[in-house]
Amino acid sequence: MDPKIEKERLTGDLIAATTVRGTEVYNRNGEHLGSIEDIMLHRYSDRIAYAVMAFGGFLGIGDKVHPVPWSMLDYDEDKGGYVVDISEEVLRDAPAYARDEIGDSDHGWRERVFMHYGMVPYWNV
């Protein structure tokens, strides 16, 4: 890709979803928690439902992905990644699913995700 185009995709207040994939995620203590695997968009509204964060596992075996409400992620330019105000333990206990299950249609499950983090669900904002 043309470096000028790539730079434009990474500057300003907008970012391409493809650029977000693979971005590292840290907690407020600077500990690496994982990386963004995907972003789930609500089909019928203008909302980002949540980020899918890869966390744990060994060489992709047995690892789970964790939905994290998008509103919890703050981009930190110095780190070149997102920072969340959650501990590894809270993330470990969060609702998770296998990589091949990305894309849930269970509204109750999504509500449990937001409740786990103490966040107002995107559909109530």
C-alpha atoms as a PDB file:
ATOM      1  CA  MET A   1       0.000   0.000   0.000  1.00  0.00           C
ATOM      2  CA  ASP A   2       1.125   3.532  -0.751  1.00  0.00           C
ATOM      3  CA  PRO A   3       2.782   4.954   2.439  1.00  0.00           C
ATOM      4  CA  LYS A   4       0.914   8.248   2.038  1.00  0.00           C
ATOM      5  CA  ILE A   5      -2.447   6.452   1.934  1.00  0.00           C
ATOM      6  CA  GLU A   6      -1.447   4.274   4.895  1.00  0.00           C
ATOM      7  CA  LYS A   7      -0.436   7.372   6.906  1.00  0.00           C
ATOM      8  CA  GLU A   8      -3.777   9.019   6.125  1.00  0.00           C
ATOM      9  CA  ARG A   9      -5.573   5.908   7.388  1.00  0.00           C
ATOM     10  CA  LEU A  10      -3.771   6.250  10.725  1.00  0.00           C
ATOM     11  CA  THR A  11      -4.075   9.986  11.353  1.00  0.00           C
ATOM     12  CA  GLY A  12      -6.918  12.275  12.235  1.00  0.00           C
ATOM     13  CA  ASP A  13      -9.965  11.227  14.195  1.00  0.00           C
ATOM     14  CA  LEU A  14     -11.142   8.452  11.851  1.00  0.00           C
ATOM     15  CA  ILE A  15      -9.544   5.055  11.361  1.00  0.00           C
ATOM     16  CA  ALA A  16     -10.295   2.174   9.024  1.00  0.00           C
ATOM     17  CA  ALA A  17     -11.568  -0.975  10.738  1.00  0.00           C
ATOM     18  CA  THR A  18      -8.911  -2.980   8.924  1.00  0.00           C
ATOM     19  CA  THR A  19      -6.261  -0.840  10.611  1.00  0.00           C
ATOM     20  CA  VAL A  20      -7.672  -1.584  14.076  1.00  0.00           C
ATOM     21  CA  ARG A  21      -7.305  -5.345  13.674  1.00  0.00           C
ATOM     22  CA  GLY A  22      -4.138  -6.510  15.405  1.00  0.00           C
ATOM     23  CA  THR A  23      -3.787  -3.359  17.514  1.00  0.00           C
ATOM     24  CA  GLU A  24      -2.451  -4.207  20.958  1.00  0.00           C
ATOM     25  CA  VAL A  25      -4.512  -3.678  24.128  1.00  0.00           C
ATOM     26  CA  TYR A  26      -3.064  -2.761  27.534  1.00  0.00           C
ATOM     27  CA  ASN A  27      -4.515  -2.118  30.976  1.00  0.00           C
ATOM     28  CA  ARG A  28      -3.934   1.150  32.867  1.00  0.00           C
ATOM     29  CA  ASN A  29      -0.812  -0.374  34.483  1.00  0.00           C
ATOM     30  CA  GLY A  30       0.734  -0.827  31.042  1.00  0.00           C
ATOM     31  CA  GLU A  31       0.395  -4.617  31.076  1.00  0.00           C
ATOM     32  CA  HIS A  32      -0.270  -6.184  27.690  1.00  0.00           C
ATOM     33  CA  LEU A  33      -3.685  -7.898  27.669  1.00  0.00           C
ATOM     34  CA  GLY A  34      -4.082  -8.972  24.049  1.00  0.00           C
ATOM     35  CA  SER A  35      -4.971  -7.484  20.683  1.00  0.00           C
ATOM     36  CA  ILE A  36      -8.040  -6.471  18.718  1.00  0.00           C
ATOM     37  CA  GLU A  37      -9.215  -9.381  16.585  1.00  0.00           C
ATOM     38  CA  ASP A  38     -12.240  -7.703  15.051  1.00  0.00           C
ATOM     39  CA  ILE A  39     -14.920  -5.064  15.513  1.00  0.00           C
ATOM     40  CA  MET A  40     -18.581  -6.011  15.619  1.00  0.00           C
ATOM     41  CA  LEU A  41     -20.946  -3.461  14.084  1.00  0.00           C
ATOM     42  CA  HIS A  42     -24.679  -3.420  14.717  1.00  0.00           C
ATOM     43  CA  ARG A  43     -26.259  -3.951  11.324  1.00  0.00           C
ATOM     44  CA  TYR A  44     -29.336  -1.778  11.826  1.00  0.00           C
ATOM     45  CA  SER A  45     -27.924   1.183  13.708  1.00  0.00           C
ATOM     46  CA  ASP A  46     -24.900   3.427  13.505  1.00  0.00           C
ATOM     47  CA  ARG A  47     -23.227   1.807  16.507  1.00  0.00           C
ATOM     48  CA  ILE A  48     -20.079  -0.189  17.129  1.00  0.00           C
ATOM     49  CA  ALA A  49     -21.243  -3.026  19.356  1.00  0.00           C
ATOM     50  CA  TYR A  50     -17.899  -4.170  20.709  1.00  0.00           C
ATOM     51  CA  ALA A  51     -14.313  -4.991  19.945  1.00  0.00           C
ATOM     52  CA  VAL A  52     -13.362  -8.658  19.837  1.00  0.00           C
ATOM     53  CA  MET A  53     -10.138  -9.066  21.764  1.00  0.00           C
ATOM     54  CA  ALA A  54      -7.799 -12.028  21.390  1.00  0.00           C
ATOM     55  CA  PHE A  55      -6.511 -13.072  24.778  1.00  0.00           C
ATOM     56  CA  GLY A  56      -4.732 -16.185  25.986  1.00  0.00           C
ATOM     57  CA  GLY A  57      -4.143 -19.519  24.343  1.00  0.00           C
ATOM     58  CA  PHE A  58      -0.939 -20.956  22.974  1.00  0.00           C
ATOM     59  CA  LEU A  59      -0.204 -20.795  19.234  1.00  0.00           C
ATOM     60  CA  GLY A  60      -3.914 -20.266  18.596  1.00  0.00           C
ATOM     61  CA  ILE A  61      -4.862 -23.534  20.283  1.00  0.00           C
ATOM     62  CA  GLY A  62      -7.662 -23.323  22.803  1.00  0.00           C
ATOM     63  CA  ASP A  63      -7.715 -19.568  22.880  1.00  0.00           C
ATOM     64  CA  LYS A  64     -10.873 -17.597  23.303  1.00  0.00           C
ATOM     65  CA  VAL A  65     -11.865 -14.160  22.140  1.00  0.00           C
ATOM     66  CA  HIS A  66     -13.467 -11.652  24.469  1.00  0.00           C
ATOM     67  CA  PRO A  67     -15.970  -8.999  23.478  1.00  0.00           C
ATOM     68  CA  VAL A  68     -15.085  -5.684  25.091  1.00  0.00           C
ATOM     69  CA  PRO A  69     -17.477  -2.723  24.826  1.00  0.00           C
ATOM     70  CA  TRP A  70     -15.979  -0.311  22.325  1.00  0.00           C
ATOM     71  CA  SER A  71     -16.596   2.630  24.655  1.00  0.00           C
ATOM     72  CA  MET A  72     -14.089   1.138  27.132  1.00  0.00           C
ATOM     73  CA  LEU A  73     -11.173   1.426  24.708  1.00  0.00           C
ATOM     74  CA  ASP A  74      -9.024   4.565  24.740  1.00  0.00           C
ATOM     75  CA  TYR A  75      -6.353   4.930  22.089  1.00  0.00           C
ATOM     76  CA  ASP A  76      -2.918   5.818  23.482  1.00  0.00           C
ATOM     77  CA  GLU A  77      -0.602   7.221  20.809  1.00  0.00           C
ATOM     78  CA  ASP A  78       2.498   6.682  22.955  1.00  0.00           C
ATOM     79  CA  LYS A  79       1.725   2.973  23.259  1.00  0.00           C
ATOM     80  CA  GLY A  80       0.408   2.686  19.710  1.00  0.00           C
ATOM     81  CA  GLY A  81      -2.480   0.696  21.131  1.00  0.00           C
ATOM     82  CA  TYR A  82      -5.667   0.772  23.138  1.00  0.00           C
ATOM     83  CA  VAL A  83      -5.868   1.057  26.908  1.00  0.00           C
ATOM     84  CA  VAL A  84      -8.738  -0.353  28.957  1.00  0.00           C
ATOM     85  CA  ASP A  85      -9.473   0.164  32.619  1.00  0.00           C
ATOM     86  CA  ILE A  86      -9.785  -3.539  33.443  1.00  0.00           C
ATOM     87  CA  SER A  87      -7.481  -6.056  35.014  1.00  0.00           C
ATOM     88  CA  GLU A  88      -6.392  -9.328  33.483  1.00  0.00           C
ATOM     89  CA  GLU A  89      -8.541 -11.119  36.093  1.00  0.00           C
ATOM     90  CA  VAL A  90     -11.710  -9.224  35.091  1.00  0.00           C
ATOM     91  CA  LEU A  91     -10.982 -10.004  31.457  1.00  0.00           C
ATOM     92  CA  ARG A  92     -10.292 -13.660  32.246  1.00  0.00           C
ATOM     93  CA  ASP A  93     -13.717 -13.943  33.972  1.00  0.00           C
ATOM     94  CA  ALA A  94     -15.544 -12.117  31.159  1.00  0.00           C
ATOM     95  CA  PRO A  95     -17.884 -13.818  28.704  1.00  0.00           C
ATOM     96  CA  ALA A  96     -15.836 -15.325  25.880  1.00  0.00           C
ATOM     97  CA  TYR A  97     -16.265 -17.568  22.887  1.00  0.00           C
ATOM     98  CA  ALA A  98     -14.157 -19.570  20.470  1.00  0.00           C
ATOM     99  CA  ARG A  99     -12.804 -17.772  17.391  1.00  0.00           C
ATOM    100  CA  ASP A 100     -15.156 -19.619  15.050  1.00  0.00           C
ATOM    101  CA  GLU A 101     -18.162 -18.368  17.045  1.00  0.00           C
ATOM    102  CA  ILE A 102     -17.554 -14.657  16.366  1.00  0.00           C
ATOM    103  CA  GLY A 103     -20.871 -13.025  15.603  1.00  0.00           C
ATOM    104  CA  ASP A 104     -23.488 -13.714  18.217  1.00  0.00           C
ATOM    105  CA  SER A 105     -27.201 -13.213  17.722  1.00  0.00           C
ATOM    106  CA  ASP A 106     -28.142 -13.660  21.382  1.00  0.00           C
ATOM    107  CA  HIS A 107     -29.189 -10.260  22.707  1.00  0.00           C
ATOM    108  CA  GLY A 108     -29.175 -11.568  26.306  1.00  0.00           C
ATOM    109  CA  TRP A 109     -25.572 -12.722  25.910  1.00  0.00           C
ATOM    110  CA  ARG A 110     -24.548  -9.270  24.694  1.00  0.00           C
ATOM    111  CA  GLU A 111     -26.315  -7.717  27.663  1.00  0.00           C
ATOM    112  CA  ARG A 112     -24.321  -9.971  30.037  1.00  0.00           C
ATOM    113  CA  VAL A 113     -21.104  -8.781  28.370  1.00  0.00           C
ATOM    114  CA  PHE A 114     -21.902  -5.127  29.056  1.00  0.00           C
ATOM    115  CA  MET A 115     -23.103  -5.898  32.603  1.00  0.00           C
ATOM    116  CA  HIS A 116     -19.861  -7.773  33.331  1.00  0.00           C
ATOM    117  CA  TYR A 117     -17.885  -4.604  32.624  1.00  0.00           C
ATOM    118  CA  GLY A 118     -20.427  -2.291  34.292  1.00  0.00           C
ATOM    119  CA  MET A 119     -21.086  -0.494  31.018  1.00  0.00           C
ATOM    120  CA  VAL A 120     -24.299   0.867  29.546  1.00  0.00           C
ATOM    121  CA  PRO A 121     -25.101  -1.235  26.455  1.00  0.00           C
ATOM    122  CA  TYR A 122     -24.681   0.571  23.127  1.00  0.00           C
ATOM    123  CA  TRP A 123     -28.393   0.097  22.361  1.00  0.00           C
ATOM    124  CA  ASN A 124     -29.323   2.137  25.490  1.00  0.00           C
ATOM    125  CA  VAL A 125     -27.053   5.111  24.754  1.00  0.00           C
END
